[in-house]
N, C-alpha and C. Protein backbone atom coordinates (compact mmCIF):
# COMPACT_ATOMS: atom_id res chain seq x y z
N MET A 1 -2.40 -0.17 15.01
CA MET A 1 -0.75 0.67 15.07
C MET A 1 -0.19 0.25 13.95
N LEU A 2 0.57 1.63 13.09
CA LEU A 2 1.19 0.70 11.74
C LEU A 2 1.99 0.65 11.78
N TRP A 3 2.21 2.00 12.49
CA TRP A 3 4.61 2.10 12.56
C TRP A 3 4.81 1.97 13.74
N PRO A 4 6.16 1.52 14.24
CA PRO A 4 7.13 1.05 12.98
C PRO A 4 6.10 -0.85 12.89
N ARG A 5 6.85 -1.44 11.64
CA ARG A 5 6.10 -2.29 11.53
C ARG A 5 6.69 -3.72 12.40
N VAL A 6 7.67 -3.30 12.18
CA VAL A 6 8.72 -4.25 13.05
C VAL A 6 8.14 -4.56 14.67
N ALA A 7 7.86 -3.28 14.90
CA ALA A 7 6.97 -3.64 16.65
C ALA A 7 5.58 -4.12 16.77
N LEU A 8 5.06 -3.97 15.52
CA LEU A 8 3.93 -4.74 15.38
C LEU A 8 3.84 -5.61 15.62
N GLU A 9 4.99 -6.57 14.45
CA GLU A 9 4.94 -8.15 13.93
C GLU A 9 5.35 -8.59 15.49
N HIS A 10 6.58 -7.77 16.51
CA HIS A 10 6.90 -8.62 17.86
C HIS A 10 5.78 -8.51 18.50
N ARG A 11 4.72 -7.54 18.39
CA ARG A 11 3.93 -7.80 19.60
C ARG A 11 3.14 -8.58 19.54
N SER A 12 2.35 -8.79 18.10
CA SER A 12 1.69 -10.02 18.16
C SER A 12 1.99 -11.17 18.04
N LEU A 13 3.66 -11.46 17.65
CA LEU A 13 4.62 -12.84 18.22
C LEU A 13 4.83 -13.43 19.76
N SER A 14 4.87 -11.53 20.38
CA SER A 14 5.43 -12.37 21.85
C SER A 14 4.15 -12.46 22.88
N GLY A 15 2.93 -11.21 22.05
CA GLY A 15 1.36 -11.14 23.41
C GLY A 15 1.45 -10.44 24.12
N GLY A 16 2.46 -9.52 24.09
CA GLY A 16 2.54 -8.44 25.14
C GLY A 16 2.95 -7.10 24.51
N GLU A 17 3.53 -6.54 25.65
CA GLU A 17 4.02 -4.97 25.27
C GLU A 17 4.94 -4.73 25.57
N ASP A 18 5.73 -5.72 25.11
CA ASP A 18 7.42 -5.45 25.51
C ASP A 18 8.06 -4.81 24.79
N TYR A 19 7.80 -3.66 23.83
CA TYR A 19 8.40 -3.14 23.12
C TYR A 19 8.15 -1.43 23.66
N ARG A 20 9.64 -0.54 22.99
CA ARG A 20 8.98 0.40 23.47
C ARG A 20 9.78 1.06 21.99
N PHE A 21 9.47 2.77 21.72
CA PHE A 21 9.47 3.53 21.22
C PHE A 21 11.16 4.09 21.52
N LEU A 22 12.15 4.30 20.32
CA LEU A 22 13.22 5.31 20.81
C LEU A 22 13.26 6.25 20.33
N LEU A 23 13.90 7.50 20.24
CA LEU A 23 14.20 8.81 19.28
C LEU A 23 15.30 8.71 18.94
N ARG A 24 15.47 8.87 18.22
CA ARG A 24 16.98 9.57 17.01
C ARG A 24 17.25 11.02 17.28
N GLN A 25 18.68 10.93 17.30
CA GLN A 25 19.14 12.43 17.46
C GLN A 25 19.85 13.03 16.59
N LYS A 26 19.45 13.77 16.16
CA LYS A 26 20.15 14.72 14.48
C LYS A 26 21.10 15.56 14.77
N ASN A 27 22.19 15.93 14.09
CA ASN A 27 23.02 16.95 14.29
C ASN A 27 22.69 18.07 13.46
N LEU A 28 23.34 19.04 14.36
CA LEU A 28 22.97 20.18 13.70
C LEU A 28 22.46 20.52 12.15
N ASP A 29 23.02 19.89 11.34
CA ASP A 29 22.46 20.24 10.09
C ASP A 29 21.93 19.26 9.58
N GLY A 30 21.22 18.28 10.18
CA GLY A 30 20.21 17.46 9.97
C GLY A 30 20.27 16.46 9.94
N SER A 31 22.00 16.00 9.80
CA SER A 31 22.07 14.79 8.72
C SER A 31 21.81 13.53 10.26
N ILE A 32 21.52 12.44 9.98
CA ILE A 32 21.95 11.33 10.92
C ILE A 32 22.99 10.08 10.95
N HIS A 33 23.69 9.95 11.91
CA HIS A 33 24.81 9.27 11.98
C HIS A 33 24.15 7.27 12.27
N TYR A 34 24.14 6.92 10.65
CA TYR A 34 23.14 5.14 11.37
C TYR A 34 24.27 4.81 11.65
N GLY A 35 24.19 3.63 12.54
CA GLY A 35 25.40 2.45 13.09
C GLY A 35 25.00 1.12 13.15
N GLY A 36 25.54 0.00 13.83
CA GLY A 36 24.95 -0.96 13.81
C GLY A 36 24.43 -1.56 14.73
N SER A 37 25.23 -2.77 15.42
CA SER A 37 24.46 -3.32 16.64
C SER A 37 24.71 -1.97 17.84
N LEU A 38 23.55 -2.85 18.96
CA LEU A 38 23.86 -1.86 20.44
C LEU A 38 25.41 -2.16 20.62
N GLN A 39 25.94 -2.68 20.75
CA GLN A 39 27.05 -3.43 21.33
C GLN A 39 28.41 -2.89 20.30
N MET A 40 28.23 -2.09 19.05
CA MET A 40 28.73 -1.31 18.27
C MET A 40 29.17 -0.20 19.05
N TRP A 41 27.54 0.64 19.33
CA TRP A 41 27.68 2.11 19.85
C TRP A 41 28.21 1.82 21.15
N LEU A 42 28.03 0.95 21.72
CA LEU A 42 29.06 1.27 23.36
C LEU A 42 30.21 1.25 23.42
N GLN A 43 30.51 1.16 22.23
CA GLN A 43 32.12 0.94 21.63
C GLN A 43 32.88 2.51 21.30
N VAL A 44 32.14 3.34 20.96
CA VAL A 44 32.19 4.76 20.64
C VAL A 44 32.37 5.19 21.08
N THR A 45 32.46 7.05 20.95
CA THR A 45 32.80 7.87 21.64
C THR A 45 32.20 8.28 23.22
N GLU A 46 31.99 9.28 23.48
CA GLU A 46 31.55 9.62 25.27
C GLU A 46 30.24 10.25 24.59
N VAL A 47 30.12 10.71 23.61
CA VAL A 47 28.92 11.56 23.51
C VAL A 47 28.18 10.19 22.44
N ARG A 48 28.30 9.65 22.33
CA ARG A 48 27.56 8.62 22.02
C ARG A 48 27.00 7.62 23.12
N ARG A 49 27.96 7.32 23.65
CA ARG A 49 27.82 6.36 25.07
C ARG A 49 26.40 7.57 25.87
N ARG A 50 26.54 8.87 26.16
CA ARG A 50 25.54 9.75 26.57
C ARG A 50 24.11 9.57 25.72
N MET A 51 24.15 9.32 24.46
CA MET A 51 23.36 9.09 23.63
C MET A 51 22.41 7.58 24.18
N MET A 52 23.68 6.88 24.45
CA MET A 52 22.99 5.70 24.75
C MET A 52 22.12 5.60 26.13
N GLU A 53 22.56 6.24 26.72
CA GLU A 53 22.15 6.42 28.12
C GLU A 53 20.53 7.09 27.98
N ARG A 54 20.38 7.91 27.14
CA ARG A 54 19.41 9.12 27.11
C ARG A 54 18.40 7.74 26.46
N GLY A 55 18.78 6.74 25.90
CA GLY A 55 17.62 6.55 25.32
C GLY A 55 17.51 6.80 23.98
N LEU A 56 18.92 6.97 23.20
CA LEU A 56 18.92 7.38 21.55
C LEU A 56 19.47 6.74 20.93
N LEU A 57 18.83 6.02 19.99
CA LEU A 57 19.39 5.21 18.98
C LEU A 57 19.15 5.42 17.17
N PRO A 58 19.80 5.00 16.75
CA PRO A 58 19.77 5.70 15.15
C PRO A 58 18.99 4.44 14.84
N GLN A 59 18.06 4.67 13.44
CA GLN A 59 17.74 3.86 12.51
C GLN A 59 18.41 3.15 12.01
N PRO A 60 17.92 1.98 11.76
CA PRO A 60 18.73 1.43 10.48
C PRO A 60 18.62 1.66 9.07
N GLU A 61 19.46 2.14 8.15
CA GLU A 61 19.52 2.42 6.93
C GLU A 61 18.67 1.31 5.90
N SER A 62 17.89 2.24 4.58
CA SER A 62 17.11 1.45 4.56
C SER A 62 17.76 0.39 3.68
N GLN A 63 17.15 -1.20 2.95
CA GLN A 63 17.95 -1.43 2.27
C GLN A 63 16.78 -1.73 1.29
N GLY A 64 17.09 -1.08 -0.25
CA GLY A 64 15.86 -1.95 -1.04
C GLY A 64 14.45 -1.00 -1.00
N ASP A 65 13.80 -1.37 -1.73
CA ASP A 65 12.23 -0.63 -1.46
C ASP A 65 11.74 -1.61 -0.94
N HIS A 66 10.26 -1.20 -0.12
CA HIS A 66 9.54 -1.66 0.69
C HIS A 66 8.00 -1.88 -0.25
N ALA A 67 7.67 -2.96 0.14
CA ALA A 67 6.23 -2.83 -0.92
C ALA A 67 5.23 -2.38 0.30
N ASP A 68 5.80 -2.13 1.38
CA ASP A 68 4.60 -1.84 2.49
C ASP A 68 5.24 -0.10 3.23
N LEU A 69 4.73 0.67 3.24
CA LEU A 69 5.07 2.39 3.50
C LEU A 69 5.37 1.95 4.74
N CYS A 70 4.99 1.32 5.48
CA CYS A 70 4.68 1.00 6.96
C CYS A 70 6.51 0.30 7.72
N CYS A 71 6.99 -0.19 6.53
CA CYS A 71 7.87 -1.18 7.05
C CYS A 71 8.88 -0.19 6.74
N LEU A 72 9.04 1.14 6.74
CA LEU A 72 10.09 1.82 6.35
C LEU A 72 10.74 1.87 7.76
N PRO A 73 12.13 1.94 8.15
CA PRO A 73 13.00 2.37 8.66
C PRO A 73 12.79 3.66 9.59
N GLU A 74 12.70 4.91 8.66
CA GLU A 74 12.41 5.94 8.97
C GLU A 74 11.23 6.59 8.31
N LEU A 75 10.63 6.73 8.91
CA LEU A 75 9.20 7.44 7.80
C LEU A 75 8.95 8.86 8.13
N ASN A 76 9.58 9.39 6.89
CA ASN A 76 9.38 10.76 6.65
C ASN A 76 9.11 11.65 5.25
N GLU A 77 9.02 12.21 4.38
CA GLU A 77 8.13 12.86 3.05
C GLU A 77 9.15 12.03 2.25
N ARG A 78 10.77 12.20 2.73
CA ARG A 78 11.50 11.81 1.92
C ARG A 78 12.03 10.66 1.55
N THR A 79 11.64 9.99 2.57
CA THR A 79 12.06 8.61 2.59
C THR A 79 10.42 7.74 1.73
N LEU A 80 9.33 8.38 2.03
CA LEU A 80 8.02 8.08 1.25
C LEU A 80 8.22 7.98 -0.15
N LEU A 81 8.55 8.76 -0.55
CA LEU A 81 8.97 9.45 -1.92
C LEU A 81 9.85 8.87 -2.40
N ASP A 82 10.95 8.58 -2.06
CA ASP A 82 12.15 7.79 -2.48
C ASP A 82 11.83 6.58 -2.82
N ASN A 83 10.89 5.84 -2.22
CA ASN A 83 10.26 4.43 -1.81
C ASN A 83 9.69 3.73 -2.81
N LEU A 84 8.66 5.32 -3.14
CA LEU A 84 7.45 5.49 -4.31
C LEU A 84 8.26 5.52 -5.47
N ARG A 85 9.26 6.13 -5.53
CA ARG A 85 10.03 6.38 -7.06
C ARG A 85 10.85 5.08 -7.23
N SER A 86 11.42 4.48 -6.29
CA SER A 86 12.61 3.66 -6.95
C SER A 86 11.18 1.99 -7.11
N ARG A 87 10.40 2.41 -6.57
CA ARG A 87 9.19 1.06 -7.26
C ARG A 87 8.46 1.51 -8.36
N PHE A 88 8.20 2.81 -8.59
CA PHE A 88 7.55 3.87 -9.95
C PHE A 88 8.58 2.55 -11.14
N ARG A 89 10.03 2.75 -10.94
CA ARG A 89 10.81 3.13 -12.18
C ARG A 89 11.07 1.29 -12.32
N GLN A 90 10.51 0.39 -11.46
CA GLN A 90 10.76 -0.63 -11.53
C GLN A 90 9.26 -1.19 -12.16
N GLU A 91 7.96 -0.38 -12.32
CA GLU A 91 6.78 -0.91 -12.93
C GLU A 91 6.33 -1.80 -11.54
N LYS A 92 6.35 -1.26 -10.74
CA LYS A 92 5.64 -1.76 -9.58
C LYS A 92 4.73 -0.39 -9.18
N ILE A 93 3.73 -0.35 -9.39
CA ILE A 93 2.90 1.12 -9.37
C ILE A 93 1.81 1.28 -7.98
N TYR A 94 1.93 -0.42 -7.72
CA TYR A 94 1.20 -0.57 -6.45
C TYR A 94 1.79 -0.21 -5.05
N THR A 95 1.36 0.27 -4.32
CA THR A 95 2.54 0.03 -2.85
C THR A 95 1.33 -0.19 -1.85
N TYR A 96 1.44 -0.68 -0.69
CA TYR A 96 0.48 -0.77 0.76
C TYR A 96 0.66 0.20 1.88
N VAL A 97 -0.24 1.22 2.51
CA VAL A 97 0.24 1.80 3.63
C VAL A 97 -0.07 1.06 4.73
N GLY A 98 0.09 -0.24 5.41
CA GLY A 98 -0.85 -0.57 5.77
C GLY A 98 -2.10 -1.69 5.06
N SER A 99 -3.40 -1.57 5.56
CA SER A 99 -4.02 -2.30 4.41
C SER A 99 -4.76 -1.04 3.20
N ILE A 100 -3.98 -0.05 3.06
CA ILE A 100 -4.49 0.98 1.79
C ILE A 100 -3.35 1.10 1.37
N LEU A 101 -3.80 1.10 -0.16
CA LEU A 101 -3.28 0.93 -1.63
C LEU A 101 -3.31 1.88 -2.21
N ILE A 102 -1.61 2.67 -2.28
CA ILE A 102 -1.57 3.56 -3.16
C ILE A 102 -1.13 3.28 -4.80
N VAL A 103 -1.51 3.74 -5.79
CA VAL A 103 -1.22 3.32 -6.96
C VAL A 103 -0.72 4.99 -7.72
N ILE A 104 0.09 4.62 -8.32
CA ILE A 104 0.76 5.57 -9.26
C ILE A 104 0.41 5.23 -10.66
N ASN A 105 -0.13 5.90 -11.24
CA ASN A 105 -1.03 5.72 -12.86
C ASN A 105 0.35 5.67 -13.66
N PRO A 106 0.96 4.93 -14.01
CA PRO A 106 1.57 4.82 -15.12
C PRO A 106 1.32 4.77 -16.52
N PHE A 107 -0.08 5.63 -17.12
CA PHE A 107 -0.22 6.14 -18.22
C PHE A 107 0.31 5.25 -19.53
N LYS A 108 0.29 3.89 -18.89
CA LYS A 108 0.40 2.32 -20.23
C LYS A 108 -0.02 0.98 -19.29
N PHE A 109 -0.56 0.75 -20.33
CA PHE A 109 -1.15 -0.92 -20.26
C PHE A 109 0.50 -1.37 -19.77
N LEU A 110 -0.19 -2.17 -18.25
CA LEU A 110 1.21 -2.92 -17.70
C LEU A 110 0.79 -4.48 -17.42
N PRO A 111 1.71 -5.72 -18.20
CA PRO A 111 1.00 -7.07 -18.41
C PRO A 111 0.62 -7.35 -16.97
N ILE A 112 -0.18 -7.12 -16.03
CA ILE A 112 -0.43 -7.56 -14.77
C ILE A 112 -1.97 -7.98 -14.34
N TYR A 113 -2.87 -8.08 -15.77
CA TYR A 113 -4.04 -8.20 -15.03
C TYR A 113 -4.87 -9.10 -15.80
N ASN A 114 -4.07 -10.26 -16.09
CA ASN A 114 -4.13 -11.39 -17.04
C ASN A 114 -4.65 -12.76 -15.93
N PRO A 115 -5.38 -13.68 -16.53
CA PRO A 115 -5.95 -14.36 -15.60
C PRO A 115 -4.85 -15.12 -14.85
N LYS A 116 -3.91 -15.59 -15.36
CA LYS A 116 -2.07 -15.36 -13.96
C LYS A 116 -2.22 -14.83 -12.85
N TYR A 117 -3.07 -13.63 -13.33
CA TYR A 117 -2.71 -13.02 -11.75
C TYR A 117 -4.16 -13.01 -10.83
N VAL A 118 -5.37 -13.29 -12.02
CA VAL A 118 -6.41 -13.30 -10.95
C VAL A 118 -6.59 -14.31 -9.90
N LYS A 119 -6.01 -15.60 -10.78
CA LYS A 119 -5.47 -16.84 -9.99
C LYS A 119 -4.63 -17.11 -8.59
N MET A 120 -3.73 -15.97 -8.93
CA MET A 120 -2.30 -16.27 -8.59
C MET A 120 -2.76 -15.53 -6.44
N TYR A 121 -3.71 -14.31 -7.22
CA TYR A 121 -4.29 -13.44 -5.92
C TYR A 121 -5.05 -13.66 -5.64
N ASP A 122 -6.06 -14.85 -5.90
CA ASP A 122 -7.50 -15.88 -5.36
C ASP A 122 -6.88 -16.15 -3.61
N ASN A 123 -7.85 -15.74 -2.99
CA ASN A 123 -7.87 -16.14 -1.16
C ASN A 123 -6.47 -15.83 -1.01
N HIS A 124 -5.96 -15.12 -0.91
CA HIS A 124 -4.61 -14.84 0.12
C HIS A 124 -4.94 -13.48 0.98
N THR A 125 -3.99 -13.60 1.72
CA THR A 125 -3.78 -12.72 3.25
C THR A 125 -3.23 -11.36 2.15
N LEU A 126 -3.46 -10.16 2.66
CA LEU A 126 -3.21 -8.83 2.30
C LEU A 126 -1.69 -8.86 2.74
N GLY A 127 -0.78 -8.60 2.28
CA GLY A 127 0.79 -8.71 2.37
C GLY A 127 1.41 -10.12 1.65
N ASP A 128 0.72 -10.74 1.42
CA ASP A 128 1.50 -12.11 1.29
C ASP A 128 2.22 -12.11 -0.09
N LEU A 129 1.54 -11.33 -1.27
CA LEU A 129 2.15 -10.92 -2.24
C LEU A 129 2.21 -10.05 -2.44
N GLU A 130 3.05 -9.37 -3.60
CA GLU A 130 3.45 -8.18 -3.69
C GLU A 130 2.13 -7.51 -4.27
N PRO A 131 2.18 -6.23 -3.81
CA PRO A 131 0.93 -5.69 -3.80
C PRO A 131 0.23 -5.03 -4.99
N HIS A 132 -0.94 -5.30 -5.31
CA HIS A 132 -1.91 -5.38 -6.34
C HIS A 132 -3.57 -5.46 -6.15
N ILE A 133 -4.13 -4.50 -7.15
CA ILE A 133 -5.33 -3.84 -6.71
C ILE A 133 -6.33 -5.27 -6.44
N TYR A 134 -6.09 -6.39 -7.42
CA TYR A 134 -6.89 -8.06 -7.33
C TYR A 134 -6.77 -8.02 -5.47
N ALA A 135 -5.11 -7.82 -4.75
CA ALA A 135 -5.78 -7.93 -3.81
C ALA A 135 -6.45 -7.24 -2.58
N VAL A 136 -6.49 -6.45 -2.74
CA VAL A 136 -7.49 -5.59 -2.25
C VAL A 136 -8.79 -6.04 -2.71
N ALA A 137 -9.52 -6.06 -4.34
CA ALA A 137 -10.60 -6.99 -4.32
C ALA A 137 -11.02 -8.19 -3.88
N ASP A 138 -9.66 -9.06 -3.85
CA ASP A 138 -9.87 -10.56 -3.06
C ASP A 138 -10.29 -10.33 -1.29
N VAL A 139 -9.12 -9.67 -0.88
CA VAL A 139 -9.83 -9.23 1.08
C VAL A 139 -11.02 -8.71 1.25
N ALA A 140 -11.37 -7.78 0.27
CA ALA A 140 -13.30 -7.48 0.55
C ALA A 140 -13.65 -8.38 0.41
N TYR A 141 -13.23 -9.04 -1.13
CA TYR A 141 -14.75 -10.00 -1.60
C TYR A 141 -15.06 -11.60 -0.42
N HIS A 142 -13.44 -12.21 -0.01
CA HIS A 142 -13.64 -13.31 1.26
C HIS A 142 -14.09 -12.53 2.38
N ALA A 143 -13.46 -11.68 2.80
CA ALA A 143 -14.56 -10.73 3.82
C ALA A 143 -16.05 -10.59 4.06
N MET A 144 -16.47 -10.44 2.85
CA MET A 144 -18.03 -10.25 2.54
C MET A 144 -18.50 -11.72 2.65
N LEU A 145 -18.00 -12.71 2.37
CA LEU A 145 -18.52 -14.30 2.52
C LEU A 145 -18.58 -14.75 3.96
N GLN A 146 -17.49 -14.30 4.86
CA GLN A 146 -16.97 -15.03 6.33
C GLN A 146 -17.53 -14.20 7.24
N ARG A 147 -17.75 -12.68 6.57
CA ARG A 147 -18.14 -11.96 8.18
C ARG A 147 -19.92 -11.86 7.53
N GLN A 148 -20.30 -11.97 6.37
CA GLN A 148 -21.76 -11.80 5.87
C GLN A 148 -21.76 -10.39 6.63
N ARG A 149 -21.19 -9.17 5.85
CA ARG A 149 -21.29 -8.52 6.05
C ARG A 149 -21.04 -7.24 4.53
N ASN A 150 -21.86 -6.41 4.24
CA ASN A 150 -21.47 -5.69 3.00
C ASN A 150 -20.01 -5.29 3.21
N GLN A 151 -19.40 -4.97 1.91
CA GLN A 151 -17.90 -4.40 2.04
C GLN A 151 -17.84 -3.01 0.89
N CYS A 152 -16.95 -2.11 1.59
CA CYS A 152 -17.22 -0.94 1.00
C CYS A 152 -15.51 -0.46 0.68
N ILE A 153 -14.91 -0.27 -0.90
CA ILE A 153 -13.61 0.16 -0.96
C ILE A 153 -13.39 1.37 -1.61
N VAL A 154 -12.96 2.47 -1.02
CA VAL A 154 -13.13 3.37 -1.13
C VAL A 154 -11.79 3.88 -1.94
N ILE A 155 -12.33 4.76 -3.41
CA ILE A 155 -11.24 5.20 -4.75
C ILE A 155 -11.08 6.28 -4.67
N SER A 156 -10.17 7.17 -4.39
CA SER A 156 -10.06 8.12 -4.61
C SER A 156 -8.81 9.05 -4.78
N GLY A 157 -8.49 10.32 -5.19
CA GLY A 157 -7.34 10.65 -6.05
C GLY A 157 -7.50 11.57 -7.22
N GLU A 158 -6.98 12.46 -7.69
CA GLU A 158 -6.58 13.46 -7.99
C GLU A 158 -7.50 13.07 -9.65
N SER A 159 -7.67 14.10 -10.35
CA SER A 159 -8.50 14.07 -11.44
C SER A 159 -7.01 13.50 -12.69
N GLY A 160 -7.43 12.33 -13.12
CA GLY A 160 -6.15 11.78 -14.31
C GLY A 160 -5.08 10.52 -13.59
N SER A 161 -5.50 10.39 -11.75
CA SER A 161 -5.15 9.28 -11.72
C SER A 161 -5.03 7.86 -11.62
N GLY A 162 -6.54 7.92 -12.34
CA GLY A 162 -6.50 6.16 -12.90
C GLY A 162 -7.61 5.90 -11.84
N LYS A 163 -9.07 6.58 -11.00
CA LYS A 163 -9.48 6.19 -10.88
C LYS A 163 -10.67 5.43 -11.55
N THR A 164 -10.86 5.50 -12.83
CA THR A 164 -11.88 4.68 -13.59
C THR A 164 -11.59 3.52 -13.74
N GLN A 165 -9.91 3.72 -14.42
CA GLN A 165 -9.19 2.08 -14.86
C GLN A 165 -8.93 1.12 -13.16
N SER A 166 -9.15 2.25 -12.15
CA SER A 166 -8.74 1.37 -11.15
C SER A 166 -10.38 0.22 -10.64
N THR A 167 -11.12 1.12 -11.03
CA THR A 167 -12.77 0.52 -10.75
C THR A 167 -13.09 -0.84 -11.12
N ASN A 168 -12.04 -0.58 -12.94
CA ASN A 168 -12.65 -1.51 -13.86
C ASN A 168 -11.85 -2.65 -13.43
N PHE A 169 -10.63 -2.90 -12.91
CA PHE A 169 -9.74 -3.83 -12.89
C PHE A 169 -10.04 -4.24 -11.15
N LEU A 170 -11.31 -3.47 -10.66
CA LEU A 170 -11.60 -3.85 -9.10
C LEU A 170 -13.05 -5.10 -9.66
N ILE A 171 -13.82 -4.34 -10.85
CA ILE A 171 -15.15 -5.46 -11.17
C ILE A 171 -14.70 -6.64 -12.17
N HIS A 172 -13.55 -6.55 -12.51
CA HIS A 172 -12.94 -7.39 -13.47
C HIS A 172 -12.71 -8.63 -12.35
N HIS A 173 -11.78 -8.51 -11.03
CA HIS A 173 -11.42 -9.39 -10.20
C HIS A 173 -12.16 -9.98 -9.65
N LEU A 174 -13.53 -9.41 -8.36
CA LEU A 174 -14.71 -9.89 -8.13
C LEU A 174 -15.41 -10.27 -8.83
N THR A 175 -15.89 -10.05 -10.61
CA THR A 175 -16.27 -10.82 -11.58
C THR A 175 -16.07 -12.28 -11.47
N ALA A 176 -14.64 -12.13 -11.52
CA ALA A 176 -14.12 -13.51 -11.34
C ALA A 176 -13.96 -14.39 -10.38
N LEU A 177 -14.04 -14.14 -9.77
CA LEU A 177 -14.40 -14.41 -8.04
C LEU A 177 -15.62 -14.71 -7.88
N SER A 178 -16.64 -14.06 -7.89
CA SER A 178 -18.18 -14.72 -7.68
C SER A 178 -18.47 -15.46 -8.59
N GLN A 179 -17.80 -15.33 -10.13
CA GLN A 179 -18.77 -16.65 -10.86
C GLN A 179 -17.40 -17.47 -11.84
N LYS A 180 -16.44 -17.71 -11.06
CA LYS A 180 -15.29 -18.79 -11.63
C LYS A 180 -15.62 -19.26 -12.71
N GLY A 181 -17.12 -20.11 -12.55
CA GLY A 181 -16.97 -20.61 -14.09
C GLY A 181 -18.13 -20.17 -15.50
N PHE A 182 -18.40 -18.98 -14.76
CA PHE A 182 -19.42 -18.01 -15.96
C PHE A 182 -18.41 -16.63 -15.59
N ALA A 183 -17.07 -16.33 -15.54
CA ALA A 183 -16.65 -14.96 -15.43
C ALA A 183 -16.94 -13.94 -16.56
N SER A 184 -16.68 -14.64 -17.40
CA SER A 184 -16.59 -14.26 -19.11
C SER A 184 -18.10 -13.56 -19.63
N GLY A 185 -19.02 -14.59 -18.83
CA GLY A 185 -20.44 -13.50 -19.12
C GLY A 185 -20.35 -12.43 -18.35
N VAL A 186 -20.30 -12.67 -17.19
CA VAL A 186 -20.58 -11.63 -16.46
C VAL A 186 -19.96 -10.19 -16.35
N GLU A 187 -18.36 -10.33 -16.99
CA GLU A 187 -18.22 -9.54 -17.42
C GLU A 187 -18.39 -8.61 -18.86
N ARG A 188 -18.97 -9.64 -19.09
CA ARG A 188 -19.25 -9.06 -20.94
C ARG A 188 -20.73 -8.17 -20.56
N ILE A 189 -21.71 -8.92 -19.15
CA ILE A 189 -22.61 -7.83 -18.81
C ILE A 189 -22.44 -6.36 -18.33
N ASN A 190 -21.34 -6.92 -17.27
CA ASN A 190 -20.59 -5.62 -16.66
C ASN A 190 -19.80 -4.62 -17.45
N GLY A 191 -19.55 -4.81 -18.56
CA GLY A 191 -18.66 -4.04 -19.75
C GLY A 191 -20.05 -3.91 -20.36
N PHE A 192 -21.08 -4.09 -20.79
CA PHE A 192 -22.13 -3.53 -21.97
C PHE A 192 -22.79 -2.21 -20.90
N TYR A 193 -22.71 -2.56 -19.50
CA TYR A 193 -24.06 -1.55 -18.42
C TYR A 193 -23.01 -0.45 -18.04
N LEU A 194 -21.72 -0.75 -17.63
CA LEU A 194 -20.45 -0.02 -17.17
C LEU A 194 -20.66 1.48 -17.67
N PRO A 195 -20.58 1.31 -18.97
CA PRO A 195 -21.18 3.18 -19.46
C PRO A 195 -22.26 3.50 -19.28
N PHE A 196 -23.00 2.96 -19.56
CA PHE A 196 -24.48 3.82 -19.47
C PHE A 196 -24.55 4.28 -17.08
N LEU A 197 -24.03 3.51 -16.61
CA LEU A 197 -23.81 3.67 -15.02
C LEU A 197 -22.53 4.84 -14.88
N GLN A 198 -21.77 4.97 -15.98
CA GLN A 198 -20.86 5.68 -15.48
C GLN A 198 -21.56 7.58 -16.22
N ARG A 199 -22.13 6.92 -17.93
CA ARG A 199 -23.27 8.20 -17.83
C ARG A 199 -24.39 8.88 -17.03
N PHE A 200 -24.75 8.24 -16.25
CA PHE A 200 -26.24 8.92 -15.43
C PHE A 200 -25.59 9.03 -14.47
N GLY A 201 -24.44 8.56 -13.99
CA GLY A 201 -23.27 8.81 -12.61
C GLY A 201 -22.84 10.53 -12.45
N LEU A 202 -22.65 10.62 -13.26
CA LEU A 202 -21.81 11.62 -13.91
C LEU A 202 -22.34 13.19 -13.42
N HIS A 203 -21.61 14.41 -12.40
CA HIS A 203 -21.72 15.46 -12.52
C HIS A 203 -20.87 16.47 -12.40
N LEU A 204 -21.13 17.45 -12.75
CA LEU A 204 -20.06 18.83 -13.33
C LEU A 204 -19.28 19.03 -11.75
N THR A 205 -18.16 19.00 -12.14
CA THR A 205 -16.87 19.60 -10.89
C THR A 205 -16.32 21.30 -11.17
N PRO A 206 -15.95 21.22 -10.23
CA PRO A 206 -15.14 22.58 -10.02
C PRO A 206 -13.65 23.07 -10.65
N GLU A 207 -13.44 21.31 -10.92
CA GLU A 207 -12.40 21.55 -12.06
C GLU A 207 -12.35 22.06 -13.76
N PRO A 208 -11.50 22.92 -14.21
CA PRO A 208 -10.97 23.31 -14.96
C PRO A 208 -11.74 22.03 -16.47
N GLY A 209 -12.25 22.97 -17.60
CA GLY A 209 -12.05 22.20 -18.40
C GLY A 209 -13.47 21.31 -18.48
N ASP A 210 -13.93 20.38 -18.68
CA ASP A 210 -15.18 19.14 -19.11
C ASP A 210 -14.97 17.90 -17.63
N GLU A 211 -14.14 17.96 -16.52
CA GLU A 211 -14.00 17.46 -15.76
C GLU A 211 -15.55 16.95 -14.60
N TYR A 212 -16.18 15.44 -15.19
CA TYR A 212 -17.17 14.90 -14.62
C TYR A 212 -16.30 14.10 -13.38
N LYS A 213 -17.38 13.82 -12.85
CA LYS A 213 -17.35 12.74 -11.38
C LYS A 213 -18.56 12.26 -11.45
N HIS A 214 -18.59 10.90 -10.72
CA HIS A 214 -19.34 10.06 -10.50
C HIS A 214 -20.07 10.69 -9.03
N ALA A 215 -21.19 10.74 -8.68
CA ALA A 215 -22.22 11.09 -7.84
C ALA A 215 -22.21 10.59 -6.90
């Protein structure tokens, strides 16, 4: 279960199935009345009291942006886009959806890929730090070591969304993790061969112009 995150965390702490889902009731114009605690709702109008008896409670109003969309108190298209927009304006281009990482191409280089960040995201649980593509690479790398099984990271998106650059950042972090004492040499080798691998692996797509993708 991905959402709501509060129910998932409460379940993991209590070890039981003692949570339930409650629905909200909207007005005719589609708006929602947000309230405070349960006790406050019991003191209002008869209509709201009947709503309480029927198990209809308001969702709390969202405060600030969320690094994980699963933590949004209200999950719909508007809240998703508003949260992503708010983070993007703060140059937070990475956002989680559970274990999935959403990336918004900033079309400029951000200073979040230097050795400081490589060290920061080394051997951390996903979600401990601000969302980052290094965190995804780190989780895959340590899962491979611990479980002794191959790992796969799928990068998908529209043309121009930054998939190639994301791949480069993944390779950069993986080489730094696997060859900590010799990372610069491995990176030079990967940097030399990567353009050739890209050329051999490209094929024409139905996209207009000269769009090519990896096979």
